[in-house]
Amino acid sequence: LEIVKRVKTLIRVSNTVVGEKANVELSHHYGLDKFDQFGLTIIEVVNRAYCKKLLVVLPGQNHPEQYHKKKEETFHVLFGVVHLKLHAYDTAGVWVNNATSLYTNASNTRFFSAVYGEPRIYMFSNTVPATVELEVGVLEDRALARAESLPNNAPAVPPNDRRTLFLQSQAGAVHIFRTRVTVPNVDRTAYK
């Protein structure tokens, strides 16, 4: 399969080691023909009480969102570019968005055109999210200090300058954390 060749190439370029006994799954929620747009390769290294999986997202791919009510996750980005998100949820735990259908549970909410596939919302008056899911990416201090010491414009302008090229090779120094925060004193009358 051509997909497997591209995944193997990305793993090799990222210098990621995968053991001999790892299981591989091609996640394609919208069909294999749409894998390049909506897909993900899951390499299961360990799956017991502790689970370790390598998630390989090829350039240009997105994967449908999911979450676990009683599970915390930590992601280590081994290679590539990080995309961070902030999502608002209503009092019923429903993600406030208009990505798939017109969201109508909250008053005083305006939606704007999506940017990079993410819906943009503006809430006003007494309407605030009941909870907010926040993902934060942290670059290790040593990698940041080294990047800042490099000239920003040589040998070329971004995205091919030394600083950008160095940061692209430091994905293993990025750590992502996700948490959901409850907004105190939310006005439940703002939600229908």
N, C-alpha and C. Protein backbone atom coordinates (compact mmCIF):
# COMPACT_ATOMS: atom_id res chain seq x y z
N LEU A 1 0.82 -1.19 0.00
CA LEU A 1 0.00 0.00 0.00
C LEU A 1 0.87 1.25 0.00
N GLU A 2 0.48 2.23 -0.77
CA GLU A 2 1.20 3.49 -0.86
C GLU A 2 1.15 4.25 0.47
N ILE A 3 0.05 4.14 1.20
CA ILE A 3 -0.10 4.80 2.50
C ILE A 3 0.98 4.29 3.47
N VAL A 4 1.18 2.98 3.49
CA VAL A 4 2.16 2.38 4.40
C VAL A 4 3.56 2.89 4.08
N LYS A 5 3.88 3.04 2.80
CA LYS A 5 5.20 3.56 2.40
C LYS A 5 5.39 4.98 2.93
N ARG A 6 4.35 5.83 2.83
CA ARG A 6 4.47 7.21 3.31
C ARG A 6 4.62 7.26 4.82
N VAL A 7 3.89 6.39 5.53
CA VAL A 7 4.00 6.35 6.99
C VAL A 7 5.40 5.88 7.39
N LYS A 8 5.91 4.84 6.74
CA LYS A 8 7.26 4.34 7.04
C LYS A 8 8.30 5.43 6.79
N THR A 9 8.14 6.18 5.71
CA THR A 9 9.07 7.27 5.41
C THR A 9 9.05 8.32 6.51
N LEU A 10 7.87 8.71 6.96
CA LEU A 10 7.76 9.72 8.02
C LEU A 10 8.37 9.22 9.33
N ILE A 11 8.16 7.96 9.65
CA ILE A 11 8.74 7.38 10.86
C ILE A 11 10.27 7.38 10.75
N ARG A 12 10.78 7.01 9.59
CA ARG A 12 12.24 6.99 9.39
C ARG A 12 12.82 8.40 9.49
N VAL A 13 12.21 9.39 8.86
CA VAL A 13 12.69 10.76 8.88
C VAL A 13 12.65 11.34 10.29
N SER A 14 11.65 10.95 11.10
CA SER A 14 11.52 11.47 12.45
C SER A 14 12.44 10.76 13.46
N ASN A 15 13.18 9.76 12.98
CA ASN A 15 14.07 8.97 13.85
C ASN A 15 13.33 8.30 15.00
N THR A 16 12.09 7.87 14.75
CA THR A 16 11.29 7.18 15.74
C THR A 16 11.52 5.68 15.62
N VAL A 17 11.75 5.03 16.74
CA VAL A 17 11.98 3.58 16.74
C VAL A 17 10.67 2.87 17.03
N VAL A 18 10.33 1.90 16.18
CA VAL A 18 9.12 1.10 16.35
C VAL A 18 9.56 -0.35 16.48
N GLY A 19 9.11 -1.02 17.53
CA GLY A 19 9.47 -2.41 17.77
C GLY A 19 8.88 -3.36 16.74
N GLU A 20 9.41 -4.57 16.72
CA GLU A 20 8.99 -5.60 15.76
C GLU A 20 7.55 -6.06 15.96
N LYS A 21 7.06 -6.05 17.21
CA LYS A 21 5.75 -6.62 17.52
C LYS A 21 4.63 -5.59 17.60
N ALA A 22 4.85 -4.39 17.11
CA ALA A 22 3.83 -3.34 17.17
C ALA A 22 2.69 -3.66 16.20
N ASN A 23 1.47 -3.36 16.61
CA ASN A 23 0.30 -3.51 15.75
C ASN A 23 0.01 -2.19 15.06
N VAL A 24 -0.39 -2.25 13.80
CA VAL A 24 -0.65 -1.04 13.02
C VAL A 24 -2.12 -1.01 12.59
N GLU A 25 -2.74 0.16 12.75
CA GLU A 25 -4.14 0.35 12.34
C GLU A 25 -4.23 1.62 11.52
N LEU A 26 -4.91 1.55 10.39
CA LEU A 26 -5.21 2.74 9.60
C LEU A 26 -6.61 3.21 10.01
N SER A 27 -6.69 4.33 10.70
CA SER A 27 -7.97 4.88 11.13
C SER A 27 -8.53 5.73 10.01
N HIS A 28 -9.68 5.36 9.49
CA HIS A 28 -10.28 6.07 8.35
C HIS A 28 -11.79 6.15 8.53
N HIS A 29 -12.22 7.05 9.43
CA HIS A 29 -13.63 7.18 9.80
C HIS A 29 -14.54 7.51 8.62
N TYR A 30 -14.01 8.18 7.60
CA TYR A 30 -14.84 8.59 6.46
C TYR A 30 -14.50 7.80 5.20
N GLY A 31 -13.86 6.66 5.37
CA GLY A 31 -13.51 5.81 4.24
C GLY A 31 -12.05 5.93 3.85
N LEU A 32 -11.50 4.84 3.35
CA LEU A 32 -10.09 4.80 2.97
C LEU A 32 -9.79 5.77 1.82
N ASP A 33 -10.79 6.03 0.97
CA ASP A 33 -10.58 6.97 -0.14
C ASP A 33 -10.38 8.41 0.36
N LYS A 34 -10.79 8.72 1.61
CA LYS A 34 -10.60 10.06 2.19
C LYS A 34 -9.49 10.06 3.25
N PHE A 35 -8.66 9.01 3.27
CA PHE A 35 -7.62 8.87 4.28
C PHE A 35 -6.64 10.04 4.27
N ASP A 36 -6.31 10.55 3.10
CA ASP A 36 -5.35 11.67 3.02
C ASP A 36 -5.91 12.95 3.62
N GLN A 37 -7.23 13.08 3.70
CA GLN A 37 -7.84 14.26 4.29
C GLN A 37 -8.22 14.01 5.75
N PHE A 38 -8.87 12.87 6.02
CA PHE A 38 -9.32 12.53 7.37
C PHE A 38 -8.82 11.14 7.73
N GLY A 39 -7.65 11.07 8.30
CA GLY A 39 -7.10 9.77 8.64
C GLY A 39 -6.01 9.87 9.68
N LEU A 40 -5.55 8.71 10.10
CA LEU A 40 -4.52 8.63 11.13
C LEU A 40 -4.00 7.20 11.15
N THR A 41 -2.70 7.04 11.33
CA THR A 41 -2.12 5.71 11.50
C THR A 41 -1.80 5.54 12.97
N ILE A 42 -2.31 4.47 13.57
CA ILE A 42 -2.08 4.19 14.98
C ILE A 42 -1.15 2.99 15.08
N ILE A 43 -0.01 3.19 15.72
CA ILE A 43 0.94 2.11 15.95
C ILE A 43 0.88 1.79 17.44
N GLU A 44 0.33 0.65 17.76
CA GLU A 44 0.14 0.23 19.15
C GLU A 44 1.40 -0.49 19.62
N VAL A 45 2.12 0.16 20.54
CA VAL A 45 3.36 -0.42 21.08
C VAL A 45 3.05 -1.27 22.29
N VAL A 46 2.24 -0.75 23.22
CA VAL A 46 1.83 -1.45 24.43
C VAL A 46 0.35 -1.14 24.65
N ASN A 47 -0.45 -2.16 25.00
CA ASN A 47 -1.86 -1.91 25.30
C ASN A 47 -2.29 -2.81 26.45
N ARG A 48 -1.99 -2.35 27.67
CA ARG A 48 -2.39 -3.04 28.89
C ARG A 48 -3.04 -2.00 29.79
N ALA A 49 -2.80 -2.07 31.09
CA ALA A 49 -3.28 -1.01 31.98
C ALA A 49 -2.63 0.31 31.58
N TYR A 50 -1.37 0.21 31.15
CA TYR A 50 -0.67 1.36 30.56
C TYR A 50 -0.69 1.17 29.06
N CYS A 51 -0.93 2.22 28.34
CA CYS A 51 -1.03 2.13 26.90
C CYS A 51 -0.06 3.11 26.25
N LYS A 52 0.68 2.65 25.26
CA LYS A 52 1.57 3.53 24.49
C LYS A 52 1.27 3.32 23.02
N LYS A 53 0.86 4.41 22.37
CA LYS A 53 0.56 4.35 20.95
C LYS A 53 1.27 5.49 20.25
N LEU A 54 1.77 5.22 19.07
CA LEU A 54 2.32 6.27 18.21
C LEU A 54 1.23 6.65 17.22
N LEU A 55 0.89 7.92 17.18
CA LEU A 55 -0.13 8.41 16.26
C LEU A 55 0.58 9.14 15.13
N VAL A 56 0.46 8.62 13.93
CA VAL A 56 1.15 9.21 12.78
C VAL A 56 0.13 9.93 11.92
N VAL A 57 0.27 11.25 11.87
CA VAL A 57 -0.59 12.09 11.04
C VAL A 57 0.25 12.59 9.89
N LEU A 58 -0.13 12.22 8.68
CA LEU A 58 0.62 12.65 7.50
C LEU A 58 0.30 14.10 7.18
N PRO A 59 1.19 14.78 6.47
CA PRO A 59 0.92 16.19 6.11
C PRO A 59 -0.44 16.34 5.43
N GLY A 60 -1.22 17.31 5.91
CA GLY A 60 -2.54 17.59 5.34
C GLY A 60 -3.67 16.80 5.96
N GLN A 61 -3.38 15.83 6.83
CA GLN A 61 -4.42 15.01 7.44
C GLN A 61 -5.01 15.67 8.67
N ASN A 62 -6.27 15.40 8.92
CA ASN A 62 -6.96 15.73 10.17
C ASN A 62 -7.57 14.44 10.67
N HIS A 63 -7.91 14.40 11.94
CA HIS A 63 -8.57 13.22 12.49
C HIS A 63 -9.77 13.68 13.29
N PRO A 64 -10.90 12.98 13.21
CA PRO A 64 -12.07 13.39 13.98
C PRO A 64 -11.74 13.48 15.47
N GLU A 65 -12.29 14.49 16.12
CA GLU A 65 -12.03 14.70 17.53
C GLU A 65 -12.68 13.61 18.37
N GLN A 66 -12.05 13.31 19.50
CA GLN A 66 -12.60 12.38 20.46
C GLN A 66 -12.06 12.77 21.82
N TYR A 67 -12.75 12.33 22.84
CA TYR A 67 -12.26 12.57 24.20
C TYR A 67 -12.75 11.45 25.10
N HIS A 68 -12.13 11.35 26.26
CA HIS A 68 -12.50 10.35 27.24
C HIS A 68 -12.97 11.07 28.50
N LYS A 69 -14.14 10.71 29.02
CA LYS A 69 -14.67 11.37 30.21
C LYS A 69 -13.79 11.13 31.44
N LYS A 70 -13.18 9.96 31.55
CA LYS A 70 -12.43 9.64 32.75
C LYS A 70 -11.01 9.22 32.41
N LYS A 71 -10.37 9.89 31.49
CA LYS A 71 -9.02 9.52 31.10
C LYS A 71 -8.24 10.79 30.80
N GLU A 72 -7.06 10.88 31.36
CA GLU A 72 -6.18 11.99 31.04
C GLU A 72 -5.13 11.47 30.07
N GLU A 73 -4.74 12.32 29.13
CA GLU A 73 -3.77 11.91 28.13
C GLU A 73 -2.65 12.94 28.04
N THR A 74 -1.46 12.46 27.78
CA THR A 74 -0.33 13.32 27.50
C THR A 74 0.23 12.90 26.15
N PHE A 75 0.50 13.87 25.32
CA PHE A 75 1.04 13.60 24.00
C PHE A 75 2.45 14.18 23.91
N HIS A 76 3.35 13.43 23.32
CA HIS A 76 4.68 13.92 23.01
C HIS A 76 4.78 13.98 21.49
N VAL A 77 4.97 15.15 20.95
CA VAL A 77 5.08 15.31 19.51
C VAL A 77 6.51 14.94 19.13
N LEU A 78 6.65 13.91 18.31
CA LEU A 78 7.98 13.43 17.95
C LEU A 78 8.52 14.14 16.71
N PHE A 79 7.63 14.62 15.86
CA PHE A 79 8.07 15.21 14.60
C PHE A 79 6.91 15.98 13.99
N GLY A 80 7.15 17.15 13.48
CA GLY A 80 6.13 17.90 12.77
C GLY A 80 5.70 19.17 13.48
N VAL A 81 4.56 19.69 13.09
CA VAL A 81 4.05 20.97 13.58
C VAL A 81 2.85 20.72 14.48
N VAL A 82 2.77 21.47 15.58
CA VAL A 82 1.69 21.32 16.55
C VAL A 82 0.57 22.31 16.25
N HIS A 83 -0.66 21.86 16.38
CA HIS A 83 -1.83 22.74 16.26
C HIS A 83 -2.56 22.72 17.58
N LEU A 84 -2.68 23.85 18.23
CA LEU A 84 -3.32 23.92 19.55
C LEU A 84 -4.76 24.38 19.42
N LYS A 85 -5.61 23.95 20.36
CA LYS A 85 -7.04 24.24 20.27
C LYS A 85 -7.62 24.64 21.61
N LEU A 86 -8.71 25.39 21.55
CA LEU A 86 -9.51 25.75 22.71
C LEU A 86 -10.97 25.54 22.29
N HIS A 87 -11.69 24.68 23.01
CA HIS A 87 -13.08 24.39 22.68
C HIS A 87 -14.00 24.73 23.84
N ALA A 88 -15.15 25.33 23.51
CA ALA A 88 -16.17 25.68 24.50
C ALA A 88 -17.26 24.60 24.49
N TYR A 89 -17.76 24.28 25.70
CA TYR A 89 -18.83 23.28 25.84
C TYR A 89 -19.99 23.90 26.62
N ASP A 90 -21.22 23.49 26.28
CA ASP A 90 -22.39 24.02 26.97
C ASP A 90 -22.68 23.22 28.24
N THR A 91 -23.79 23.52 28.89
CA THR A 91 -24.13 22.89 30.17
C THR A 91 -24.44 21.40 30.02
N ALA A 92 -24.77 20.96 28.81
CA ALA A 92 -25.04 19.53 28.56
C ALA A 92 -23.77 18.80 28.12
N GLY A 93 -22.64 19.50 28.07
CA GLY A 93 -21.39 18.88 27.64
C GLY A 93 -21.24 18.80 26.14
N VAL A 94 -22.06 19.55 25.39
CA VAL A 94 -22.01 19.55 23.94
C VAL A 94 -21.04 20.63 23.47
N TRP A 95 -20.16 20.27 22.54
CA TRP A 95 -19.20 21.21 21.98
C TRP A 95 -19.96 22.30 21.23
N VAL A 96 -19.71 23.55 21.58
CA VAL A 96 -20.37 24.68 20.94
C VAL A 96 -19.65 24.98 19.63
N ASN A 97 -20.27 24.58 18.52
CA ASN A 97 -19.68 24.83 17.21
C ASN A 97 -20.75 24.76 16.15
N ASN A 98 -20.44 25.21 15.00
CA ASN A 98 -21.37 25.10 13.88
C ASN A 98 -20.70 24.38 12.71
N ALA A 99 -19.75 23.50 13.03
CA ALA A 99 -18.98 22.82 12.01
C ALA A 99 -19.83 21.83 11.21
N THR A 100 -20.70 21.09 11.88
CA THR A 100 -21.48 20.08 11.18
C THR A 100 -22.95 20.44 11.05
N SER A 101 -23.47 21.19 11.99
CA SER A 101 -24.86 21.64 11.91
C SER A 101 -24.99 22.91 12.74
N LEU A 102 -26.04 23.64 12.53
CA LEU A 102 -26.21 24.90 13.25
C LEU A 102 -26.48 24.62 14.72
N TYR A 103 -25.60 25.10 15.57
CA TYR A 103 -25.73 24.92 17.01
C TYR A 103 -26.76 25.92 17.52
N THR A 104 -27.76 25.45 18.27
CA THR A 104 -28.85 26.33 18.69
C THR A 104 -29.12 26.31 20.18
N ASN A 105 -28.28 25.65 20.99
CA ASN A 105 -28.57 25.53 22.42
C ASN A 105 -28.28 26.79 23.22
N ALA A 106 -27.46 27.69 22.73
CA ALA A 106 -27.08 28.87 23.50
C ALA A 106 -27.58 30.14 22.82
N SER A 107 -28.08 31.06 23.63
CA SER A 107 -28.44 32.37 23.09
C SER A 107 -27.18 33.24 23.13
N ASN A 108 -27.22 34.37 22.48
CA ASN A 108 -26.12 35.32 22.49
C ASN A 108 -24.79 34.71 22.03
N THR A 109 -24.87 33.89 21.00
CA THR A 109 -23.68 33.26 20.44
C THR A 109 -23.66 33.51 18.94
N ARG A 110 -22.53 33.97 18.44
CA ARG A 110 -22.35 34.21 17.00
C ARG A 110 -21.22 33.34 16.49
N PHE A 111 -21.41 32.79 15.30
CA PHE A 111 -20.40 31.94 14.68
C PHE A 111 -19.80 32.66 13.49
N PHE A 112 -18.53 32.42 13.26
CA PHE A 112 -17.82 33.02 12.14
C PHE A 112 -17.16 31.91 11.33
N SER A 113 -16.70 32.25 10.15
CA SER A 113 -16.08 31.26 9.26
C SER A 113 -14.95 30.52 9.97
N ALA A 114 -14.88 29.24 9.70
CA ALA A 114 -13.82 28.41 10.30
C ALA A 114 -12.46 28.82 9.77
N VAL A 115 -11.45 28.71 10.62
CA VAL A 115 -10.07 28.95 10.24
C VAL A 115 -9.32 27.65 10.46
N TYR A 116 -8.67 27.13 9.43
CA TYR A 116 -7.96 25.85 9.51
C TYR A 116 -8.88 24.75 10.03
N GLY A 117 -10.15 24.80 9.65
CA GLY A 117 -11.10 23.76 10.04
C GLY A 117 -11.70 23.92 11.42
N GLU A 118 -11.28 24.94 12.16
CA GLU A 118 -11.78 25.15 13.52
C GLU A 118 -12.82 26.26 13.53
N PRO A 119 -14.00 26.01 14.12
CA PRO A 119 -15.03 27.04 14.18
C PRO A 119 -14.61 28.18 15.11
N ARG A 120 -15.04 29.38 14.78
CA ARG A 120 -14.80 30.54 15.64
C ARG A 120 -16.13 31.00 16.18
N ILE A 121 -16.18 31.30 17.49
CA ILE A 121 -17.42 31.74 18.11
C ILE A 121 -17.17 32.99 18.93
N TYR A 122 -18.24 33.74 19.12
CA TYR A 122 -18.22 34.92 19.98
C TYR A 122 -19.45 34.82 20.87
N MET A 123 -19.24 34.80 22.19
CA MET A 123 -20.34 34.74 23.15
C MET A 123 -20.40 36.07 23.88
N PHE A 124 -21.62 36.56 24.11
CA PHE A 124 -21.75 37.85 24.78
C PHE A 124 -22.92 37.83 25.74
N SER A 125 -23.07 38.92 26.48
CA SER A 125 -24.11 39.08 27.50
C SER A 125 -23.87 38.06 28.61
N ASN A 126 -24.89 37.26 28.94
CA ASN A 126 -24.76 36.30 30.04
C ASN A 126 -24.32 34.92 29.57
N THR A 127 -23.97 34.76 28.30
CA THR A 127 -23.60 33.45 27.76
C THR A 127 -22.08 33.27 27.83
N VAL A 128 -21.67 32.28 28.60
CA VAL A 128 -20.27 31.86 28.65
C VAL A 128 -20.25 30.34 28.59
N PRO A 129 -19.14 29.74 28.18
CA PRO A 129 -19.08 28.28 28.16
C PRO A 129 -19.23 27.72 29.58
N ALA A 130 -19.85 26.55 29.69
CA ALA A 130 -19.94 25.87 30.98
C ALA A 130 -18.59 25.21 31.31
N THR A 131 -17.93 24.71 30.29
CA THR A 131 -16.57 24.18 30.43
C THR A 131 -15.77 24.56 29.20
N VAL A 132 -14.47 24.59 29.37
CA VAL A 132 -13.56 24.90 28.27
C VAL A 132 -12.49 23.83 28.23
N GLU A 133 -12.28 23.25 27.06
CA GLU A 133 -11.20 22.28 26.90
C GLU A 133 -10.01 23.02 26.31
N LEU A 134 -8.89 22.88 26.97
CA LEU A 134 -7.69 23.63 26.61
C LEU A 134 -6.55 22.67 26.34
N GLU A 135 -5.89 22.84 25.21
CA GLU A 135 -4.67 22.11 24.91
C GLU A 135 -3.53 23.11 24.91
N VAL A 136 -2.45 22.76 25.59
CA VAL A 136 -1.30 23.65 25.70
C VAL A 136 -0.06 22.91 25.25
N GLY A 137 0.71 23.52 24.39
CA GLY A 137 1.98 22.94 23.94
C GLY A 137 3.13 23.69 24.59
N VAL A 138 4.13 22.95 25.07
CA VAL A 138 5.28 23.56 25.74
C VAL A 138 6.55 23.09 25.03
N LEU A 139 7.38 24.05 24.65
CA LEU A 139 8.67 23.75 24.06
C LEU A 139 9.72 23.78 25.17
N GLU A 140 10.54 22.73 25.25
CA GLU A 140 11.55 22.66 26.30
C GLU A 140 12.51 23.85 26.22
N ASP A 141 12.97 24.33 27.38
CA ASP A 141 13.81 25.52 27.47
C ASP A 141 15.07 25.45 26.61
N ARG A 142 15.75 24.30 26.63
CA ARG A 142 17.01 24.19 25.87
C ARG A 142 16.77 24.37 24.38
N ALA A 143 15.68 23.78 23.86
CA ALA A 143 15.38 23.91 22.44
C ALA A 143 15.05 25.36 22.08
N LEU A 144 14.28 26.02 22.95
CA LEU A 144 13.94 27.42 22.71
C LEU A 144 15.19 28.31 22.75
N ALA A 145 16.05 28.09 23.74
CA ALA A 145 17.27 28.89 23.86
C ALA A 145 18.16 28.72 22.63
N ARG A 146 18.28 27.49 22.16
CA ARG A 146 19.10 27.24 20.96
C ARG A 146 18.49 27.93 19.74
N ALA A 147 17.17 27.84 19.58
CA ALA A 147 16.51 28.48 18.44
C ALA A 147 16.71 29.99 18.48
N GLU A 148 16.58 30.57 19.67
CA GLU A 148 16.75 32.02 19.79
C GLU A 148 18.17 32.47 19.52
N SER A 149 19.15 31.58 19.67
CA SER A 149 20.54 31.94 19.42
C SER A 149 20.89 31.91 17.93
N LEU A 150 20.03 31.32 17.12
CA LEU A 150 20.30 31.22 15.69
C LEU A 150 19.85 32.47 14.95
N PRO A 151 20.58 32.85 13.87
CA PRO A 151 20.11 33.99 13.07
C PRO A 151 18.78 33.64 12.41
N ASN A 152 17.89 34.60 12.36
CA ASN A 152 16.55 34.35 11.85
C ASN A 152 16.47 34.40 10.33
N ASN A 153 17.46 34.96 9.66
CA ASN A 153 17.30 35.18 8.22
C ASN A 153 18.35 34.49 7.37
N ALA A 154 19.15 33.59 7.92
CA ALA A 154 20.17 32.97 7.10
C ALA A 154 20.01 31.46 7.15
N PRO A 155 20.17 30.72 6.10
CA PRO A 155 20.57 31.17 4.77
C PRO A 155 19.41 31.68 3.92
N ALA A 156 18.18 31.62 4.41
CA ALA A 156 17.02 32.05 3.63
C ALA A 156 15.98 32.63 4.57
N VAL A 157 14.89 33.11 3.99
CA VAL A 157 13.79 33.65 4.81
C VAL A 157 12.88 32.50 5.21
N PRO A 158 12.09 32.68 6.29
CA PRO A 158 11.17 31.62 6.70
C PRO A 158 10.30 31.19 5.53
N PRO A 159 9.98 29.92 5.37
CA PRO A 159 10.17 28.84 6.33
C PRO A 159 11.48 28.08 6.16
N ASN A 160 12.47 28.62 5.44
CA ASN A 160 13.71 27.89 5.20
C ASN A 160 14.91 28.50 5.91
N ASP A 161 14.70 29.36 6.89
CA ASP A 161 15.81 29.95 7.63
C ASP A 161 16.31 28.96 8.67
N ARG A 162 17.48 29.20 9.24
CA ARG A 162 18.08 28.27 10.21
C ARG A 162 17.21 28.06 11.44
N ARG A 163 16.58 29.13 11.95
CA ARG A 163 15.77 29.02 13.16
C ARG A 163 14.56 28.11 12.92
N THR A 164 13.86 28.33 11.82
CA THR A 164 12.69 27.51 11.50
C THR A 164 13.09 26.07 11.25
N LEU A 165 14.16 25.84 10.50
CA LEU A 165 14.61 24.48 10.22
C LEU A 165 15.01 23.76 11.51
N PHE A 166 15.67 24.47 12.43
CA PHE A 166 16.04 23.87 13.71
C PHE A 166 14.79 23.48 14.50
N LEU A 167 13.82 24.40 14.60
CA LEU A 167 12.60 24.12 15.36
C LEU A 167 11.83 22.94 14.77
N GLN A 168 11.85 22.80 13.45
CA GLN A 168 11.17 21.67 12.82
C GLN A 168 11.80 20.35 13.23
N SER A 169 13.06 20.35 13.58
CA SER A 169 13.73 19.12 14.00
C SER A 169 13.61 18.87 15.50
N GLN A 170 12.94 19.76 16.23
CA GLN A 170 12.84 19.65 17.69
C GLN A 170 11.46 19.24 18.19
N ALA A 171 10.69 18.58 17.35
CA ALA A 171 9.33 18.21 17.76
C ALA A 171 9.32 17.34 19.01
N GLY A 172 10.35 16.57 19.24
CA GLY A 172 10.42 15.74 20.44
C GLY A 172 10.56 16.56 21.72
N ALA A 173 10.87 17.85 21.57
CA ALA A 173 11.01 18.74 22.73
C ALA A 173 9.72 19.49 23.02
N VAL A 174 8.63 19.13 22.32
CA VAL A 174 7.33 19.75 22.55
C VAL A 174 6.46 18.77 23.33
N HIS A 175 5.80 19.26 24.37
CA HIS A 175 4.89 18.43 25.17
C HIS A 175 3.52 19.08 25.18
N ILE A 176 2.47 18.29 24.93
CA ILE A 176 1.11 18.80 24.85
C ILE A 176 0.29 18.22 25.99
N PHE A 177 -0.46 19.08 26.65
CA PHE A 177 -1.31 18.68 27.76
C PHE A 177 -2.74 19.14 27.46
N ARG A 178 -3.72 18.31 27.79
CA ARG A 178 -5.12 18.66 27.56
C ARG A 178 -5.87 18.55 28.88
N THR A 179 -6.72 19.54 29.13
CA THR A 179 -7.56 19.49 30.32
C THR A 179 -8.88 20.21 30.03
N ARG A 180 -9.90 19.85 30.77
CA ARG A 180 -11.19 20.52 30.66
C ARG A 180 -11.43 21.26 31.97
N VAL A 181 -11.74 22.55 31.85
CA VAL A 181 -11.90 23.42 33.01
C VAL A 181 -13.37 23.85 33.12
N THR A 182 -13.94 23.75 34.31
CA THR A 182 -15.31 24.19 34.56
C THR A 182 -15.31 25.70 34.80
N VAL A 183 -16.25 26.39 34.17
CA VAL A 183 -16.40 27.83 34.37
C VAL A 183 -17.37 28.03 35.54
N PRO A 184 -16.92 28.64 36.63
CA PRO A 184 -17.81 28.80 37.79
C PRO A 184 -18.93 29.81 37.51
N ASN A 185 -20.03 29.63 38.16
CA ASN A 185 -21.18 30.55 38.09
C ASN A 185 -21.72 30.75 36.69
N VAL A 186 -21.70 29.70 35.86
CA VAL A 186 -22.28 29.82 34.53
C VAL A 186 -23.80 30.05 34.66
N ASP A 187 -24.35 30.92 33.86
CA ASP A 187 -25.78 31.21 33.88
C ASP A 187 -26.50 30.18 33.00
N ARG A 188 -27.13 29.20 33.64
CA ARG A 188 -27.78 28.13 32.89
C ARG A 188 -28.99 28.62 32.09
N THR A 189 -29.54 29.78 32.41
CA THR A 189 -30.68 30.31 31.65
C THR A 189 -30.24 30.77 30.26
N ALA A 190 -28.95 30.93 30.03
CA ALA A 190 -28.46 31.32 28.72
C ALA A 190 -28.53 30.17 27.72
N TYR A 191 -28.73 28.95 28.24
CA TYR A 191 -28.82 27.76 27.40
C TYR A 191 -30.25 27.25 27.38
N LYS A 192 -30.76 27.00 26.20
CA LYS A 192 -32.15 26.57 26.05
C LYS A 192 -32.31 25.11 26.36
